[in-house]
Amino acid sequence: MGGTRVVRLLGRVTPDEAKIFRVNAGIDGSIHDISPFTVGSRVKKDQLLATFTAPGAVPVFQLFILNSGAMNRAKLGPTEGQNALALADANLRQRLDQLESIGVSPQQIREIAENEEFPKSIRILSPGDGVVLARNVSPGLKFEKGMEFYRIADLRKVWILADVFENEAQYLKPGARAELTLPGQAKTLAAVVDNVLPTFDATARTLKVRLEADNPGDVLLPDMFVDVILQVPLAPGIVVPVDALLDTGLHKTVFVQTGPARFRSEEHTSELQSHLNLVCRLLLEKK
């Protein structure tokens, strides 16, 4: 018959790497205004985070306004002017790509096209719903292209990373269900084993296991520790009560009931004793 094995681990909450938004500078400039959102704040998609100015963006704005006007005129022109329309469309697409690479949002691009005016500043908007993990801006800060403004994580689904010993890793198959318990709280959450990662800690002789968990209400926060409990099925085998086994270290004896008040002993030697028995038999055969 088969059984189950309870595996208990200590896990650490970490954001799903595929759901981390990094807001970086696409051009040199300086921060103008910032929102009150700090590390730990919850933000919504397209919520204003900060504004900045960038002198290098002025030529791009000029060309975008010119190309937008040329596109509108080409659309109103004669039907035979398809070449002019295609050229205007190509130029406009190039300017749109430049504006997006600078960090101008689609909403602000539409405003520029409608008003045909340069914006006083460029708005930095949240790329998605989440929690602010890092904020590296302050009013008047001068920055270079590539600098990270904000790092935001969607925590509706998170990862749990835990260390597991070699002999227990074999039981943790992808899809295995687990239960998470928050220290000091009676609340439990469900999780699923995603993968046993191919990273080995030679000192602790452990592997990393990654679990996924839904996170309603963002109760699981980055770097929080949780208790992980898994009940994994074992391969079919013979199971006997512990008190029915007599273990001397070299011999294991099980008493099997054969009738009323009648028992028969079944002896099982350990691997070490089996090896010693084999060596002795070989020595006797040589004689």
Protein backbone atom coordinates (compact mmCIF):
# COMPACT_ATOMS: atom_id res chain seq x y z
CA MET A 1 0.00 0.00 0.00
CA GLY A 2 1.09 3.63 -0.51
CA GLY A 3 1.32 6.45 1.98
CA THR A 4 2.11 10.12 2.27
CA ARG A 5 5.10 12.04 3.51
CA VAL A 6 4.83 15.45 5.12
CA VAL A 7 7.53 17.87 4.00
CA ARG A 8 7.91 21.11 5.96
CA LEU A 9 9.94 24.00 4.57
CA LEU A 10 10.62 27.64 5.38
CA GLY A 11 9.88 29.79 2.35
CA ARG A 12 10.57 33.40 1.41
CA VAL A 13 8.12 35.46 -0.63
CA THR A 14 9.47 37.08 -3.81
CA PRO A 15 7.71 38.79 -6.73
CA ASP A 16 7.10 36.88 -9.94
CA GLU A 17 9.95 38.12 -12.16
CA ALA A 18 7.64 38.21 -15.17
CA LYS A 19 5.41 40.73 -13.36
CA ILE A 20 8.00 43.29 -12.30
CA PHE A 21 7.79 46.64 -14.11
CA ARG A 22 10.98 48.69 -14.38
CA VAL A 23 10.50 52.33 -15.34
CA ASN A 24 13.79 53.62 -16.78
CA ALA A 25 14.90 56.90 -18.29
CA GLY A 26 14.91 56.96 -22.08
CA ILE A 27 16.81 60.24 -22.35
CA ASP A 28 18.98 62.59 -20.24
CA GLY A 29 17.01 65.11 -18.20
CA SER A 30 15.97 66.28 -14.74
CA ILE A 31 13.06 65.43 -12.47
CA HIS A 32 10.49 68.20 -12.05
CA ASP A 33 7.69 67.00 -9.73
CA ILE A 34 7.15 63.70 -7.93
CA SER A 35 4.07 62.00 -6.52
CA PRO A 36 3.74 61.03 -2.84
CA PHE A 37 4.09 57.33 -3.69
CA THR A 38 7.04 55.77 -1.86
CA VAL A 39 8.36 52.23 -1.42
CA GLY A 40 5.47 50.03 -0.33
CA SER A 41 2.76 52.25 -1.85
CA ARG A 42 0.11 50.64 -4.02
CA VAL A 43 -0.36 52.24 -7.43
CA LYS A 44 -2.74 51.78 -10.33
CA LYS A 45 -1.98 51.51 -14.03
CA ASP A 46 -1.42 54.94 -15.68
CA GLN A 47 -1.28 56.70 -12.30
CA LEU A 48 1.05 59.72 -12.31
CA LEU A 49 4.38 58.99 -10.59
CA ALA A 50 6.54 61.99 -11.55
CA THR A 51 7.34 64.48 -14.31
CA PHE A 52 10.64 65.42 -15.95
CA THR A 53 12.08 67.80 -18.52
CA ALA A 54 14.52 66.82 -21.25
CA PRO A 55 15.98 69.45 -23.65
CA GLY A 56 17.00 66.68 -26.02
CA ALA A 57 13.33 65.81 -26.58
CA VAL A 58 12.47 69.20 -28.15
CA PRO A 59 13.60 68.30 -31.74
CA VAL A 60 11.58 65.07 -31.54
CA PHE A 61 8.46 67.01 -30.49
CA GLN A 62 8.98 69.45 -33.38
CA LEU A 63 9.30 66.70 -35.96
CA PHE A 64 6.33 64.82 -34.51
CA ILE A 65 4.06 67.88 -34.81
CA LEU A 66 5.26 68.52 -38.38
CA ASN A 67 4.78 64.89 -39.40
CA SER A 68 1.33 64.77 -37.76
CA GLY A 69 0.29 67.79 -39.81
CA ALA A 70 1.74 66.26 -42.99
CA MET A 71 -0.19 63.06 -42.32
CA ASN A 72 -3.47 64.94 -41.92
CA ARG A 73 -2.88 66.86 -45.16
CA ALA A 74 -1.99 63.65 -47.03
CA LYS A 75 -5.23 62.04 -45.90
CA LEU A 76 -7.23 64.99 -47.27
CA GLY A 77 -5.27 65.08 -50.54
CA PRO A 78 -6.20 63.49 -53.88
CA THR A 79 -6.61 59.71 -53.98
CA GLU A 80 -3.72 59.42 -56.43
CA GLY A 81 -1.35 60.78 -53.83
CA GLN A 82 -0.74 57.36 -52.26
CA ASN A 83 3.03 57.82 -52.29
CA ALA A 84 2.74 61.01 -50.22
CA LEU A 85 0.45 59.23 -47.75
CA ALA A 86 2.83 56.27 -47.39
CA LEU A 87 5.80 58.62 -46.84
CA ALA A 88 3.90 60.67 -44.24
CA ASP A 89 2.83 57.49 -42.45
CA ALA A 90 6.43 56.16 -42.33
CA ASN A 91 7.75 59.45 -40.96
CA LEU A 92 5.01 59.63 -38.33
CA ARG A 93 5.68 56.06 -37.18
CA GLN A 94 9.36 56.88 -36.77
CA ARG A 95 8.52 59.87 -34.55
CA LEU A 96 6.10 57.77 -32.48
CA ASP A 97 8.83 55.20 -31.86
CA GLN A 98 11.20 57.98 -30.79
CA LEU A 99 8.65 59.45 -28.38
CA GLU A 100 7.90 56.06 -26.84
CA SER A 101 11.62 55.35 -26.40
CA ILE A 102 12.01 58.69 -24.59
CA GLY A 103 9.23 57.69 -22.21
CA VAL A 104 6.28 59.72 -23.47
CA SER A 105 3.03 57.89 -22.71
CA PRO A 106 0.40 57.20 -25.42
CA GLN A 107 -2.02 59.56 -23.60
CA GLN A 108 0.46 62.45 -23.74
CA ILE A 109 1.34 61.70 -27.37
CA ARG A 110 -2.36 62.09 -28.27
CA GLU A 111 -2.50 65.40 -26.38
CA ILE A 112 0.52 66.72 -28.30
CA ALA A 113 -1.01 65.71 -31.62
CA GLU A 114 -4.36 67.33 -30.78
CA ASN A 115 -2.97 70.57 -29.33
CA GLU A 116 0.09 70.82 -31.60
CA GLU A 117 2.07 72.20 -28.64
CA PHE A 118 5.18 71.11 -26.81
CA PRO A 119 4.47 69.75 -23.31
CA LYS A 120 6.05 71.66 -20.42
CA SER A 121 7.15 68.35 -18.94
CA ILE A 122 6.96 64.64 -19.67
CA ARG A 123 4.79 62.54 -17.38
CA ILE A 124 6.00 59.26 -15.85
CA LEU A 125 3.02 56.91 -15.46
CA SER A 126 2.75 53.58 -13.71
CA PRO A 127 2.91 50.77 -16.32
CA GLY A 128 0.58 48.56 -14.27
CA ASP A 129 -1.14 47.87 -10.97
CA GLY A 130 1.25 46.93 -8.20
CA VAL A 131 3.38 47.85 -5.22
CA VAL A 132 6.37 50.20 -5.45
CA LEU A 133 9.54 48.23 -4.71
CA ALA A 134 12.03 51.02 -5.47
CA ARG A 135 11.84 54.80 -6.01
CA ASN A 136 15.01 56.58 -7.11
CA VAL A 137 13.68 60.07 -7.92
CA SER A 138 13.59 63.40 -6.11
CA PRO A 139 12.72 66.93 -7.27
CA GLY A 140 15.53 68.52 -9.28
CA LEU A 141 17.43 65.25 -9.69
CA LYS A 142 19.49 65.19 -12.89
CA PHE A 143 19.62 61.79 -14.53
CA GLU A 144 21.15 60.03 -17.48
CA LYS A 145 19.53 57.72 -19.99
CA GLY A 146 19.02 54.26 -18.57
CA MET A 147 18.58 55.26 -14.92
CA GLU A 148 15.85 53.36 -13.07
CA PHE A 149 13.10 55.70 -11.88
CA TYR A 150 10.75 53.17 -10.30
CA ARG A 151 10.40 49.42 -9.86
CA ILE A 152 6.84 48.17 -9.42
CA ALA A 153 5.66 44.60 -8.85
CA ASP A 154 2.25 43.08 -9.48
CA LEU A 155 1.75 40.98 -6.33
CA ARG A 156 -1.54 39.33 -7.24
CA LYS A 157 0.50 36.16 -7.82
CA VAL A 158 3.86 35.63 -6.10
CA TRP A 159 6.67 33.11 -5.87
CA ILE A 160 7.76 31.29 -2.73
CA LEU A 161 11.42 30.19 -2.68
CA ALA A 162 12.49 27.52 -0.19
CA ASP A 163 15.53 25.36 0.48
CA VAL A 164 14.95 21.61 0.31
CA PHE A 165 17.38 18.81 1.19
CA GLU A 166 18.52 16.44 -1.56
CA ASN A 167 16.69 13.45 -0.16
CA GLU A 168 13.39 15.38 -0.04
CA ALA A 169 13.67 17.08 -3.46
CA GLN A 170 12.60 13.84 -5.18
CA TYR A 171 9.12 14.19 -3.66
CA LEU A 172 8.51 17.75 -4.90
CA LYS A 173 7.10 17.33 -8.38
CA PRO A 174 5.71 20.24 -10.44
CA GLY A 175 2.02 20.61 -9.71
CA ALA A 176 2.25 19.27 -6.14
CA ARG A 177 -0.05 21.23 -3.85
CA ALA A 178 1.18 22.93 -0.72
CA GLU A 179 -0.20 24.94 2.16
CA LEU A 180 1.27 28.24 3.32
CA THR A 181 1.01 29.49 6.88
CA LEU A 182 1.98 33.02 7.87
CA PRO A 183 3.97 33.17 11.13
CA GLY A 184 1.82 34.36 14.00
CA GLN A 185 -1.37 34.11 11.96
CA ALA A 186 -3.98 31.40 11.65
CA LYS A 187 -4.59 32.22 8.00
CA THR A 188 -3.47 29.69 5.38
CA LEU A 189 -3.06 30.02 1.62
CA ALA A 190 -2.73 27.46 -1.15
CA ALA A 191 0.37 27.13 -3.33
CA VAL A 192 1.60 24.87 -6.11
CA VAL A 193 5.12 23.61 -6.76
CA ASP A 194 6.36 25.22 -9.98
CA ASN A 195 9.84 23.73 -10.23
CA VAL A 196 12.89 22.51 -8.35
CA LEU A 197 15.55 24.92 -9.59
CA PRO A 198 18.94 23.62 -10.80
CA THR A 199 20.83 25.59 -8.15
CA PHE A 200 22.68 23.62 -5.47
CA ASP A 201 24.08 24.96 -2.20
CA ALA A 202 27.13 22.80 -1.55
CA THR A 203 27.48 24.02 2.05
CA ALA A 204 23.91 23.33 3.15
CA ARG A 205 23.44 20.52 0.59
CA THR A 206 20.09 21.94 -0.45
CA LEU A 207 18.26 22.73 -3.66
CA LYS A 208 15.88 25.62 -4.32
CA VAL A 209 12.21 24.86 -4.87
CA ARG A 210 9.89 27.51 -6.33
CA LEU A 211 6.17 27.59 -5.60
CA GLU A 212 3.46 29.84 -7.00
CA ALA A 213 0.63 31.27 -4.92
CA ASP A 214 -2.32 33.58 -5.48
CA ASN A 215 -2.07 36.58 -3.19
CA PRO A 216 -5.52 38.05 -2.46
CA GLY A 217 -5.26 41.39 -0.73
CA ASP A 218 -1.46 41.39 -1.07
CA VAL A 219 -1.09 39.63 2.29
CA LEU A 220 2.16 38.06 1.05
CA LEU A 221 4.79 40.79 0.75
CA PRO A 222 8.32 40.53 -0.69
CA ASP A 223 10.91 39.03 1.72
CA MET A 224 8.21 37.79 4.11
CA PHE A 225 8.85 34.31 5.53
CA VAL A 226 6.13 31.64 5.46
CA ASP A 227 5.85 28.02 6.56
CA VAL A 228 5.33 25.60 3.67
CA ILE A 229 3.67 22.23 4.26
CA LEU A 230 3.42 19.58 1.54
CA GLN A 231 1.84 16.15 1.78
CA VAL A 232 3.41 14.13 -1.02
CA PRO A 233 2.39 10.59 -2.00
CA LEU A 234 4.91 7.78 -1.58
CA ALA A 235 5.43 4.79 -3.87
CA PRO A 236 3.39 1.69 -2.99
CA GLY A 237 5.04 -0.58 -0.42
CA ILE A 238 4.52 -2.62 2.69
CA VAL A 239 3.67 -0.50 5.70
CA VAL A 240 3.84 -1.73 9.30
CA PRO A 241 3.36 0.06 12.61
CA VAL A 242 6.60 1.30 14.16
CA ASP A 243 5.92 -0.64 17.39
CA ALA A 244 5.72 -3.88 15.37
CA LEU A 245 9.35 -3.53 14.25
CA LEU A 246 12.30 -4.75 16.33
CA ASP A 247 15.47 -3.01 15.08
CA THR A 248 18.85 -4.04 16.55
CA GLY A 249 20.88 -1.96 14.10
CA LEU A 250 21.95 -4.92 11.99
CA HIS A 251 18.70 -6.87 11.97
CA LYS A 252 15.11 -5.75 11.56
CA THR A 253 12.48 -8.24 12.71
CA VAL A 254 8.75 -7.99 12.09
CA PHE A 255 6.28 -10.25 13.88
CA VAL A 256 3.42 -11.42 11.67
CA GLN A 257 0.27 -12.87 13.21
CA THR A 258 -0.53 -16.27 11.72
CA GLY A 259 -3.41 -17.20 14.00
CA PRO A 260 -4.97 -16.59 17.40
CA ALA A 261 -2.10 -15.89 19.78
CA ARG A 262 0.37 -17.20 17.19
CA PHE A 263 3.10 -15.07 15.54
CA ARG A 264 5.92 -15.69 13.09
CA SER A 265 9.07 -13.56 12.93
CA GLU A 266 10.20 -12.16 9.57
CA GLU A 267 13.82 -11.05 9.65
CA HIS A 268 15.21 -8.36 7.33
CA THR A 269 18.90 -7.61 7.43
CA SER A 270 20.19 -4.12 6.89
CA GLU A 271 22.17 -3.17 3.80
CA LEU A 272 25.40 -3.27 5.85
CA GLN A 273 24.68 -6.75 7.18
CA SER A 274 23.76 -7.99 3.69
CA HIS A 275 27.09 -6.73 2.41
CA LEU A 276 28.98 -8.45 5.26
CA ASN A 277 27.13 -11.70 4.61
CA LEU A 278 28.11 -11.56 0.95
CA VAL A 279 31.80 -10.98 1.79
CA CYS A 280 31.84 -13.92 4.23
CA ARG A 281 30.22 -16.21 1.67
CA LEU A 282 32.81 -15.30 -0.96
CA LEU A 283 35.66 -15.97 1.49
CA LEU A 284 34.21 -19.38 2.36
CA GLU A 285 33.87 -20.28 -1.33
CA LYS A 286 37.55 -19.49 -1.92
CA LYS A 287 38.53 -21.96 0.80
